[in-house]
Amino acid sequence: MGQLRRDNDVKRVLILTGSERRHTFFRLFLGLSEQIRIVRTYCEGLEKSLTVQLSDQPDPTFRLQHIHAREQSEEDFFGLFIRHVPDRSVPVFIPKGDINSTTCFEEIISLSPDLIAAYGCSLIRDPLLSAFEGRFLNVHLGLSPYYRGSGTNYWPLVRGEPEYAGATFMHIDAGIDTGPVIHQIRARLCWGDTPSSIGNRLIVDMAYAYRRILEEFNRLEPMSPLPPPKQIHVCKSKDFTEESVERLYENFQNGMVEQYLREQVRRCSLVPILANPALQGL
């Protein structure tokens, strides 16, 4: 599908994402880069979001309270930026799942982007999946291969192991979080953190890293996979229960963050991640 431009050329990028505030922040932030020109952003709708799914419950639940807390935190964290930064992301809003439609595929082909950047969209399928091989990137909010599936930064906090929270940048493939890894970052924790503050800080760090990956794409080095871990956690939406949310907040009340910060160096040394040499300094 064409040749990628030279290192010093502005890269034409197409974004596939969602419509939560974190997704809006992401596309607006990428649009500020002088080395990236966004040709279009497809923003999938919220009709299948957890808020919608849980709002049918007759009584407020711990899960819904947790989701509302996350939404409010995203407004507090990203709202000012979203309202005052120019939008250079050329957004088009589509129903959830329509990213794999024939219409979107034909439009994307006609736009002929240099790179496609996915974050928070539906699982990509053929023919779009195969059309931009080697130039189709995705970020998994979690550290692969340790945690795969859904809510992969939620479950490390439920299990009391923040060292497994982070983001994995990869070349997309037909699996779930299984493409060749480009680069990884670990979540930064601070004294007094909440689940939402950890998540928001990670999204900011992820956006910085993603922008750098797109800008430096021609210089990225192939990465050898990590040794297979002793255990891989496959997280599923059905496991997001009331009990898991209770356990999450009990961990924070019982000093999980403070204990992790005291033991951070040792614990992180036991959970290696991949750092691309072309992205030194991130």
C-alpha atoms as a PDB file:
ATOM      1  CA  MET A   1       0.000   0.000   0.000  1.00  0.00           C
ATOM      2  CA  GLY A   2       2.726   2.463  -0.896  1.00  0.00           C
ATOM      3  CA  GLN A   3       6.067   3.348   0.655  1.00  0.00           C
ATOM      4  CA  LEU A   4       6.681   4.933   4.016  1.00  0.00           C
ATOM      5  CA  ARG A   5       8.139   8.418   3.732  1.00  0.00           C
ATOM      6  CA  ARG A   6      11.689   9.378   4.611  1.00  0.00           C
ATOM      7  CA  ASP A   7      12.729  10.033   8.204  1.00  0.00           C
ATOM      8  CA  ASN A   8      12.462  13.809   7.912  1.00  0.00           C
ATOM      9  CA  ASP A   9       9.078  13.826   6.167  1.00  0.00           C
ATOM     10  CA  VAL A  10       5.829  14.527   7.971  1.00  0.00           C
ATOM     11  CA  LYS A  11       4.047  11.211   8.447  1.00  0.00           C
ATOM     12  CA  ARG A  12       0.417  10.901   7.394  1.00  0.00           C
ATOM     13  CA  VAL A  13      -1.289   9.049  10.235  1.00  0.00           C
ATOM     14  CA  LEU A  14      -4.796   7.656  10.546  1.00  0.00           C
ATOM     15  CA  ILE A  15      -6.124   7.020  14.077  1.00  0.00           C
ATOM     16  CA  LEU A  16      -8.655   4.420  15.219  1.00  0.00           C
ATOM     17  CA  THR A  17      -9.940   5.080  18.728  1.00  0.00           C
ATOM     18  CA  GLY A  18     -12.966   5.551  20.983  1.00  0.00           C
ATOM     19  CA  SER A  19     -14.909   8.522  22.341  1.00  0.00           C
ATOM     20  CA  GLU A  20     -14.123   8.572  26.061  1.00  0.00           C
ATOM     21  CA  ARG A  21     -12.222  11.620  27.323  1.00  0.00           C
ATOM     22  CA  ARG A  22      -8.982   9.642  27.383  1.00  0.00           C
ATOM     23  CA  HIS A  23      -9.414   8.854  23.687  1.00  0.00           C
ATOM     24  CA  THR A  24     -10.181  12.476  22.873  1.00  0.00           C
ATOM     25  CA  PHE A  25      -7.067  13.605  24.751  1.00  0.00           C
ATOM     26  CA  PHE A  26      -5.023  11.053  22.817  1.00  0.00           C
ATOM     27  CA  ARG A  27      -6.057  12.196  19.336  1.00  0.00           C
ATOM     28  CA  LEU A  28      -5.788  15.884  20.202  1.00  0.00           C
ATOM     29  CA  PHE A  29      -2.325  15.365  21.644  1.00  0.00           C
ATOM     30  CA  LEU A  30      -1.047  13.488  18.592  1.00  0.00           C
ATOM     31  CA  GLY A  31      -2.407  16.289  16.421  1.00  0.00           C
ATOM     32  CA  LEU A  32      -0.024  18.767  18.072  1.00  0.00           C
ATOM     33  CA  SER A  33       3.058  17.061  16.641  1.00  0.00           C
ATOM     34  CA  GLU A  34       4.779  18.959  13.846  1.00  0.00           C
ATOM     35  CA  GLN A  35       6.024  15.642  12.439  1.00  0.00           C
ATOM     36  CA  ILE A  36       2.572  14.067  12.140  1.00  0.00           C
ATOM     37  CA  ARG A  37      -0.370  15.028   9.969  1.00  0.00           C
ATOM     38  CA  ILE A  38      -3.517  13.206  10.950  1.00  0.00           C
ATOM     39  CA  VAL A  39      -5.531  12.428   7.819  1.00  0.00           C
ATOM     40  CA  ARG A  40      -8.556  11.192   9.768  1.00  0.00           C
ATOM     41  CA  THR A  41      -9.578   9.809  13.156  1.00  0.00           C
ATOM     42  CA  TYR A  42     -12.355   7.267  13.400  1.00  0.00           C
ATOM     43  CA  CYS A  43     -13.944   7.577  16.862  1.00  0.00           C
ATOM     44  CA  GLU A  44     -16.181   4.672  17.840  1.00  0.00           C
ATOM     45  CA  GLY A  45     -19.237   5.421  19.971  1.00  0.00           C
ATOM     46  CA  LEU A  46     -20.043   4.707  23.609  1.00  0.00           C
ATOM     47  CA  GLU A  47     -23.177   2.620  23.087  1.00  0.00           C
ATOM     48  CA  LYS A  48     -21.438  -0.552  24.331  1.00  0.00           C
ATOM     49  CA  SER A  49     -19.440   1.093  27.116  1.00  0.00           C
ATOM     50  CA  LEU A  50     -19.351  -0.245  30.672  1.00  0.00           C
ATOM     51  CA  THR A  51     -21.384   2.753  31.830  1.00  0.00           C
ATOM     52  CA  VAL A  52     -24.193   1.836  29.458  1.00  0.00           C
ATOM     53  CA  GLN A  53     -23.997  -1.853  30.327  1.00  0.00           C
ATOM     54  CA  LEU A  54     -24.087  -1.247  34.078  1.00  0.00           C
ATOM     55  CA  SER A  55     -26.681   1.534  34.047  1.00  0.00           C
ATOM     56  CA  ASP A  56     -29.453  -1.067  33.716  1.00  0.00           C
ATOM     57  CA  GLN A  57     -28.815  -2.235  37.272  1.00  0.00           C
ATOM     58  CA  PRO A  58     -31.709  -1.316  39.623  1.00  0.00           C
ATOM     59  CA  ASP A  59     -29.390  -0.151  42.410  1.00  0.00           C
ATOM     60  CA  PRO A  60     -25.991   1.565  42.326  1.00  0.00           C
ATOM     61  CA  THR A  61     -23.197  -0.990  42.305  1.00  0.00           C
ATOM     62  CA  PHE A  62     -19.546  -0.861  43.260  1.00  0.00           C
ATOM     63  CA  ARG A  63     -18.719  -1.418  39.609  1.00  0.00           C
ATOM     64  CA  LEU A  64     -20.808   1.527  38.431  1.00  0.00           C
ATOM     65  CA  GLN A  65     -19.420   3.763  41.194  1.00  0.00           C
ATOM     66  CA  HIS A  66     -15.913   2.790  40.090  1.00  0.00           C
ATOM     67  CA  ILE A  67     -16.708   3.648  36.445  1.00  0.00           C
ATOM     68  CA  HIS A  68     -18.273   6.989  37.431  1.00  0.00           C
ATOM     69  CA  ALA A  69     -15.202   7.795  39.525  1.00  0.00           C
ATOM     70  CA  ARG A  70     -13.003   7.067  36.509  1.00  0.00           C
ATOM     71  CA  GLU A  71     -15.147   9.287  34.263  1.00  0.00           C
ATOM     72  CA  GLN A  72     -15.010  12.176  36.741  1.00  0.00           C
ATOM     73  CA  SER A  73     -11.262  11.750  37.139  1.00  0.00           C
ATOM     74  CA  GLU A  74     -10.800  11.876  33.369  1.00  0.00           C
ATOM     75  CA  GLU A  75     -12.821  15.086  33.226  1.00  0.00           C
ATOM     76  CA  ASP A  76     -10.702  16.601  36.003  1.00  0.00           C
ATOM     77  CA  PHE A  77      -7.461  15.411  34.383  1.00  0.00           C
ATOM     78  CA  PHE A  78      -8.103  15.934  30.668  1.00  0.00           C
ATOM     79  CA  GLY A  79     -11.087  18.284  30.469  1.00  0.00           C
ATOM     80  CA  LEU A  80      -9.219  21.600  30.348  1.00  0.00           C
ATOM     81  CA  PHE A  81      -6.827  20.307  27.696  1.00  0.00           C
ATOM     82  CA  ILE A  82      -9.682  18.953  25.569  1.00  0.00           C
ATOM     83  CA  ARG A  83     -11.607  22.221  25.674  1.00  0.00           C
ATOM     84  CA  HIS A  84      -8.704  24.520  24.801  1.00  0.00           C
ATOM     85  CA  VAL A  85      -6.395  22.636  22.425  1.00  0.00           C
ATOM     86  CA  PRO A  86      -7.027  22.996  18.671  1.00  0.00           C
ATOM     87  CA  ASP A  87      -8.429  19.846  17.109  1.00  0.00           C
ATOM     88  CA  ARG A  88      -6.223  18.764  14.214  1.00  0.00           C
ATOM     89  CA  SER A  89      -7.321  15.131  14.355  1.00  0.00           C
ATOM     90  CA  VAL A  90     -10.079  15.302  11.669  1.00  0.00           C
ATOM     91  CA  PRO A  91     -12.540  13.226  13.739  1.00  0.00           C
ATOM     92  CA  VAL A  92     -15.331  11.130  12.239  1.00  0.00           C
ATOM     93  CA  PHE A  93     -17.739   9.539  14.731  1.00  0.00           C
ATOM     94  CA  ILE A  94     -19.022   6.048  13.976  1.00  0.00           C
ATOM     95  CA  PRO A  95     -20.972   3.359  15.855  1.00  0.00           C
ATOM     96  CA  LYS A  96     -19.016   0.835  17.885  1.00  0.00           C
ATOM     97  CA  GLY A  97     -17.806  -1.952  15.598  1.00  0.00           C
ATOM     98  CA  ASP A  98     -18.205  -0.059  12.328  1.00  0.00           C
ATOM     99  CA  ILE A  99     -14.443   0.322  12.010  1.00  0.00           C
ATOM    100  CA  ASN A 100     -14.497  -3.044  10.219  1.00  0.00           C
ATOM    101  CA  SER A 101     -17.229  -2.032   7.786  1.00  0.00           C
ATOM    102  CA  THR A 102     -16.701  -1.998   4.024  1.00  0.00           C
ATOM    103  CA  THR A 103     -17.347   1.750   3.980  1.00  0.00           C
ATOM    104  CA  CYS A 104     -14.594   2.520   6.505  1.00  0.00           C
ATOM    105  CA  PHE A 105     -12.182   0.146   4.813  1.00  0.00           C
ATOM    106  CA  GLU A 106     -12.657   1.783   1.418  1.00  0.00           C
ATOM    107  CA  GLU A 107     -12.299   5.259   2.928  1.00  0.00           C
ATOM    108  CA  ILE A 108      -9.077   4.287   4.710  1.00  0.00           C
ATOM    109  CA  ILE A 109      -7.625   2.801   1.541  1.00  0.00           C
ATOM    110  CA  SER A 110      -8.464   5.975  -0.374  1.00  0.00           C
ATOM    111  CA  LEU A 111      -6.751   8.132   2.279  1.00  0.00           C
ATOM    112  CA  SER A 112      -3.551   6.044   1.884  1.00  0.00           C
ATOM    113  CA  PRO A 113      -2.015   6.837   5.309  1.00  0.00           C
ATOM    114  CA  ASP A 114       1.633   6.111   5.993  1.00  0.00           C
ATOM    115  CA  LEU A 115       0.762   4.623   9.386  1.00  0.00           C
ATOM    116  CA  ILE A 116      -2.361   3.572  11.267  1.00  0.00           C
ATOM    117  CA  ALA A 117      -2.428   4.055  15.059  1.00  0.00           C
ATOM    118  CA  ALA A 118      -5.059   2.165  17.066  1.00  0.00           C
ATOM    119  CA  TYR A 119      -6.003   2.834  20.677  1.00  0.00           C
ATOM    120  CA  GLY A 120      -9.215   1.708  22.342  1.00  0.00           C
ATOM    121  CA  CYS A 121     -11.096   0.672  19.207  1.00  0.00           C
ATOM    122  CA  SER A 122     -12.822  -2.603  18.342  1.00  0.00           C
ATOM    123  CA  LEU A 123     -10.799  -5.684  17.453  1.00  0.00           C
ATOM    124  CA  ILE A 124      -9.582  -5.132  13.886  1.00  0.00           C
ATOM    125  CA  ARG A 125     -10.420  -7.764  11.281  1.00  0.00           C
ATOM    126  CA  ASP A 126      -9.601  -8.433   7.647  1.00  0.00           C
ATOM    127  CA  PRO A 127      -9.432  -6.960   5.092  1.00  0.00           C
ATOM    128  CA  LEU A 128      -8.272  -3.883   7.055  1.00  0.00           C
ATOM    129  CA  LEU A 129      -6.032  -5.994   9.271  1.00  0.00           C
ATOM    130  CA  SER A 130      -3.897  -7.152   6.345  1.00  0.00           C
ATOM    131  CA  ALA A 131      -3.935  -4.019   4.212  1.00  0.00           C
ATOM    132  CA  PHE A 132      -1.241  -2.126   6.128  1.00  0.00           C
ATOM    133  CA  GLU A 133       1.038  -4.914   7.308  1.00  0.00           C
ATOM    134  CA  GLY A 134       4.059  -3.523   9.115  1.00  0.00           C
ATOM    135  CA  ARG A 135       2.499  -0.051   9.312  1.00  0.00           C
ATOM    136  CA  PHE A 136      -0.478  -0.771  11.584  1.00  0.00           C
ATOM    137  CA  LEU A 137       0.265  -0.069  15.262  1.00  0.00           C
ATOM    138  CA  ASN A 138      -1.709  -0.703  18.416  1.00  0.00           C
ATOM    139  CA  VAL A 139      -1.292   0.046  22.100  1.00  0.00           C
ATOM    140  CA  HIS A 140      -2.412  -2.453  24.702  1.00  0.00           C
ATOM    141  CA  LEU A 141      -2.976  -0.850  28.100  1.00  0.00           C
ATOM    142  CA  GLY A 142      -1.295  -3.611  30.008  1.00  0.00           C
ATOM    143  CA  LEU A 143       2.028  -5.395  29.968  1.00  0.00           C
ATOM    144  CA  SER A 144       2.130  -8.282  27.501  1.00  0.00           C
ATOM    145  CA  PRO A 145       2.626 -11.154  27.731  1.00  0.00           C
ATOM    146  CA  TYR A 146       1.965 -11.086  31.483  1.00  0.00           C
ATOM    147  CA  TYR A 147      -1.612  -9.768  31.256  1.00  0.00           C
ATOM    148  CA  ARG A 148      -3.758 -10.105  28.142  1.00  0.00           C
ATOM    149  CA  GLY A 149      -7.406  -9.438  27.365  1.00  0.00           C
ATOM    150  CA  SER A 150      -9.727  -6.929  29.050  1.00  0.00           C
ATOM    151  CA  GLY A 151      -8.948  -4.575  31.944  1.00  0.00           C
ATOM    152  CA  THR A 152      -5.297  -5.527  32.035  1.00  0.00           C
ATOM    153  CA  ASN A 153      -4.282  -2.583  34.210  1.00  0.00           C
ATOM    154  CA  TYR A 154      -7.249  -3.137  36.507  1.00  0.00           C
ATOM    155  CA  TRP A 155      -6.389  -6.705  37.433  1.00  0.00           C
ATOM    156  CA  PRO A 156      -2.773  -6.127  38.525  1.00  0.00           C
ATOM    157  CA  LEU A 157      -4.127  -3.623  41.070  1.00  0.00           C
ATOM    158  CA  VAL A 158      -6.821  -6.071  42.191  1.00  0.00           C
ATOM    159  CA  ARG A 159      -4.136  -8.740  42.612  1.00  0.00           C
ATOM    160  CA  GLY A 160      -1.843  -6.345  44.514  1.00  0.00           C
ATOM    161  CA  GLU A 161       0.947  -6.284  41.928  1.00  0.00           C
ATOM    162  CA  PRO A 162       1.245  -2.782  40.383  1.00  0.00           C
ATOM    163  CA  GLU A 163       4.558  -3.741  38.779  1.00  0.00           C
ATOM    164  CA  TYR A 164       2.485  -5.476  36.077  1.00  0.00           C
ATOM    165  CA  ALA A 165       0.609  -2.283  35.102  1.00  0.00           C
ATOM    166  CA  GLY A 166       1.764  -0.402  32.017  1.00  0.00           C
ATOM    167  CA  ALA A 167       1.379  -0.109  28.251  1.00  0.00           C
ATOM    168  CA  THR A 168       2.600  -2.268  25.369  1.00  0.00           C
ATOM    169  CA  PHE A 169       3.045  -0.866  21.861  1.00  0.00           C
ATOM    170  CA  MET A 170       2.912  -3.476  19.128  1.00  0.00           C
ATOM    171  CA  HIS A 171       2.382  -4.244  15.484  1.00  0.00           C
ATOM    172  CA  ILE A 172      -1.207  -5.376  15.210  1.00  0.00           C
ATOM    173  CA  ASP A 173      -2.113  -8.942  14.232  1.00  0.00           C
ATOM    174  CA  ALA A 174      -5.167 -11.202  14.300  1.00  0.00           C
ATOM    175  CA  GLY A 175      -4.709 -12.223  17.942  1.00  0.00           C
ATOM    176  CA  ILE A 176      -5.621 -10.419  21.155  1.00  0.00           C
ATOM    177  CA  ASP A 177      -2.547  -8.498  22.337  1.00  0.00           C
ATOM    178  CA  THR A 178      -0.227 -10.913  20.518  1.00  0.00           C
ATOM    179  CA  GLY A 179       1.494  -8.784  17.836  1.00  0.00           C
ATOM    180  CA  PRO A 180       5.264  -8.184  17.781  1.00  0.00           C
ATOM    181  CA  VAL A 181       6.131  -5.759  20.582  1.00  0.00           C
ATOM    182  CA  ILE A 182       7.729  -2.416  19.684  1.00  0.00           C
ATOM    183  CA  HIS A 183       8.160  -0.843  23.126  1.00  0.00           C
ATOM    184  CA  GLN A 184       6.763  -0.972  26.670  1.00  0.00           C
ATOM    185  CA  ILE A 185       6.367   1.454  29.543  1.00  0.00           C
ATOM    186  CA  ARG A 186       5.477   0.759  33.161  1.00  0.00           C
ATOM    187  CA  ALA A 187       2.863   2.704  35.092  1.00  0.00           C
ATOM    188  CA  ARG A 188       4.280   5.350  37.429  1.00  0.00           C
ATOM    189  CA  LEU A 189       2.823   5.298  40.936  1.00  0.00           C
ATOM    190  CA  CYS A 190       2.968   8.119  43.497  1.00  0.00           C
ATOM    191  CA  TRP A 191       2.134   8.409  47.175  1.00  0.00           C
ATOM    192  CA  GLY A 192      -1.595   8.859  47.705  1.00  0.00           C
ATOM    193  CA  ASP A 193      -2.591   7.500  44.280  1.00  0.00           C
ATOM    194  CA  THR A 194      -6.046   6.189  43.429  1.00  0.00           C
ATOM    195  CA  PRO A 195      -6.886   3.709  40.651  1.00  0.00           C
ATOM    196  CA  SER A 196      -7.966   6.616  38.448  1.00  0.00           C
ATOM    197  CA  SER A 197      -4.889   8.781  39.036  1.00  0.00           C
ATOM    198  CA  ILE A 198      -2.623   5.850  38.155  1.00  0.00           C
ATOM    199  CA  GLY A 199      -4.621   5.246  34.984  1.00  0.00           C
ATOM    200  CA  ASN A 200      -4.671   8.887  33.888  1.00  0.00           C
ATOM    201  CA  ARG A 201      -0.938   9.335  34.454  1.00  0.00           C
ATOM    202  CA  LEU A 202      -0.289   6.216  32.402  1.00  0.00           C
ATOM    203  CA  ILE A 203      -2.467   7.512  29.542  1.00  0.00           C
ATOM    204  CA  VAL A 204      -0.403  10.704  29.415  1.00  0.00           C
ATOM    205  CA  ASP A 205       2.843   8.705  29.396  1.00  0.00           C
ATOM    206  CA  MET A 206       1.380   6.396  26.751  1.00  0.00           C
ATOM    207  CA  ALA A 207       0.412   9.312  24.507  1.00  0.00           C
ATOM    208  CA  TYR A 208       3.936  10.772  24.714  1.00  0.00           C
ATOM    209  CA  ALA A 209       5.468   7.395  23.874  1.00  0.00           C
ATOM    210  CA  TYR A 210       3.016   6.694  21.041  1.00  0.00           C
ATOM    211  CA  ARG A 211       3.714  10.072  19.460  1.00  0.00           C
ATOM    212  CA  ARG A 212       7.450   9.405  19.630  1.00  0.00           C
ATOM    213  CA  ILE A 213       6.987   5.956  18.092  1.00  0.00           C
ATOM    214  CA  LEU A 214       5.096   7.453  15.164  1.00  0.00           C
ATOM    215  CA  GLU A 215       7.649  10.235  14.706  1.00  0.00           C
ATOM    216  CA  GLU A 216      10.614   7.837  14.921  1.00  0.00           C
ATOM    217  CA  PHE A 217       8.973   4.917  13.148  1.00  0.00           C
ATOM    218  CA  ASN A 218      11.715   4.538  10.516  1.00  0.00           C
ATOM    219  CA  ARG A 219      14.358   4.270  13.257  1.00  0.00           C
ATOM    220  CA  LEU A 220      12.634   1.691  15.441  1.00  0.00           C
ATOM    221  CA  GLU A 221      14.605  -1.480  16.021  1.00  0.00           C
ATOM    222  CA  PRO A 222      13.062  -4.982  15.928  1.00  0.00           C
ATOM    223  CA  MET A 223      12.686  -6.365  19.426  1.00  0.00           C
ATOM    224  CA  SER A 224      13.288  -9.930  20.556  1.00  0.00           C
ATOM    225  CA  PRO A 225      10.362 -11.295  22.592  1.00  0.00           C
ATOM    226  CA  LEU A 226      10.624 -11.561  26.333  1.00  0.00           C
ATOM    227  CA  PRO A 227      11.169 -15.048  27.749  1.00  0.00           C
ATOM    228  CA  PRO A 228       7.798 -16.750  28.309  1.00  0.00           C
ATOM    229  CA  PRO A 229       6.608 -15.934  31.838  1.00  0.00           C
ATOM    230  CA  LYS A 230       5.691 -18.691  34.263  1.00  0.00           C
ATOM    231  CA  GLN A 231       2.092 -17.499  34.208  1.00  0.00           C
ATOM    232  CA  ILE A 232       0.006 -15.506  31.711  1.00  0.00           C
ATOM    233  CA  HIS A 233      -3.202 -13.933  32.995  1.00  0.00           C
ATOM    234  CA  VAL A 234      -6.003 -13.772  30.405  1.00  0.00           C
ATOM    235  CA  CYS A 235      -8.512 -11.219  31.686  1.00  0.00           C
ATOM    236  CA  LYS A 236     -12.174 -11.356  30.672  1.00  0.00           C
ATOM    237  CA  SER A 237     -14.976  -8.811  30.991  1.00  0.00           C
ATOM    238  CA  LYS A 238     -17.184 -11.303  32.840  1.00  0.00           C
ATOM    239  CA  ASP A 239     -14.658 -11.374  35.685  1.00  0.00           C
ATOM    240  CA  PHE A 240     -15.295  -7.677  36.440  1.00  0.00           C
ATOM    241  CA  THR A 241     -17.449  -8.372  39.503  1.00  0.00           C
ATOM    242  CA  GLU A 242     -18.593  -6.497  42.583  1.00  0.00           C
ATOM    243  CA  GLU A 243     -16.137  -8.540  44.638  1.00  0.00           C
ATOM    244  CA  SER A 244     -13.206  -7.535  42.427  1.00  0.00           C
ATOM    245  CA  VAL A 245     -13.978  -3.826  42.879  1.00  0.00           C
ATOM    246  CA  GLU A 246     -14.253  -4.250  46.647  1.00  0.00           C
ATOM    247  CA  ARG A 247     -10.882  -5.978  46.665  1.00  0.00           C
ATOM    248  CA  LEU A 248      -9.368  -3.215  44.521  1.00  0.00           C
ATOM    249  CA  TYR A 249     -10.284  -0.459  46.969  1.00  0.00           C
ATOM    250  CA  GLU A 250      -9.357  -2.562  49.978  1.00  0.00           C
ATOM    251  CA  ASN A 251      -5.864  -2.876  48.512  1.00  0.00           C
ATOM    252  CA  PHE A 252      -5.553   0.905  48.273  1.00  0.00           C
ATOM    253  CA  GLN A 253      -6.898   1.385  51.801  1.00  0.00           C
ATOM    254  CA  ASN A 254      -4.448  -1.199  53.111  1.00  0.00           C
ATOM    255  CA  GLY A 255      -1.376   0.573  51.732  1.00  0.00           C
ATOM    256  CA  MET A 256      -0.697  -1.310  48.515  1.00  0.00           C
ATOM    257  CA  VAL A 257       0.741   1.766  46.773  1.00  0.00           C
ATOM    258  CA  GLU A 258       3.018   2.705  49.656  1.00  0.00           C
ATOM    259  CA  GLN A 259       4.303  -0.862  50.015  1.00  0.00           C
ATOM    260  CA  TYR A 260       4.967  -1.068  46.272  1.00  0.00           C
ATOM    261  CA  LEU A 261       6.917   2.204  46.289  1.00  0.00           C
ATOM    262  CA  ARG A 262       9.139   0.915  49.093  1.00  0.00           C
ATOM    263  CA  GLU A 263       9.838  -2.281  47.126  1.00  0.00           C
ATOM    264  CA  GLN A 264       9.640  -0.863  43.599  1.00  0.00           C
ATOM    265  CA  VAL A 265      13.184  -1.535  42.381  1.00  0.00           C
ATOM    266  CA  ARG A 266      13.181  -5.170  43.474  1.00  0.00           C
ATOM    267  CA  ARG A 267       9.669  -5.908  42.243  1.00  0.00           C
ATOM    268  CA  CYS A 268      10.155  -4.310  38.840  1.00  0.00           C
ATOM    269  CA  SER A 269      13.414  -6.189  38.340  1.00  0.00           C
ATOM    270  CA  LEU A 270      11.389  -9.408  38.472  1.00  0.00           C
ATOM    271  CA  VAL A 271       9.038  -8.218  35.707  1.00  0.00           C
ATOM    272  CA  PRO A 272      11.220  -7.238  32.723  1.00  0.00           C
ATOM    273  CA  ILE A 273       9.796  -5.115  29.916  1.00  0.00           C
ATOM    274  CA  LEU A 274      11.058  -4.196  26.437  1.00  0.00           C
ATOM    275  CA  ALA A 275      12.536  -0.748  25.736  1.00  0.00           C
ATOM    276  CA  ASN A 276      13.227   0.099  22.103  1.00  0.00           C
ATOM    277  CA  PRO A 277      16.730   1.608  21.734  1.00  0.00           C
ATOM    278  CA  ALA A 278      15.374   4.185  19.273  1.00  0.00           C
ATOM    279  CA  LEU A 279      13.219   5.617  22.062  1.00  0.00           C
ATOM    280  CA  GLN A 280      15.849   6.269  24.695  1.00  0.00           C
ATOM    281  CA  GLY A 281      14.805   8.869  27.226  1.00  0.00           C
ATOM    282  CA  LEU A 282      11.163   7.872  27.443  1.00  0.00           C
END
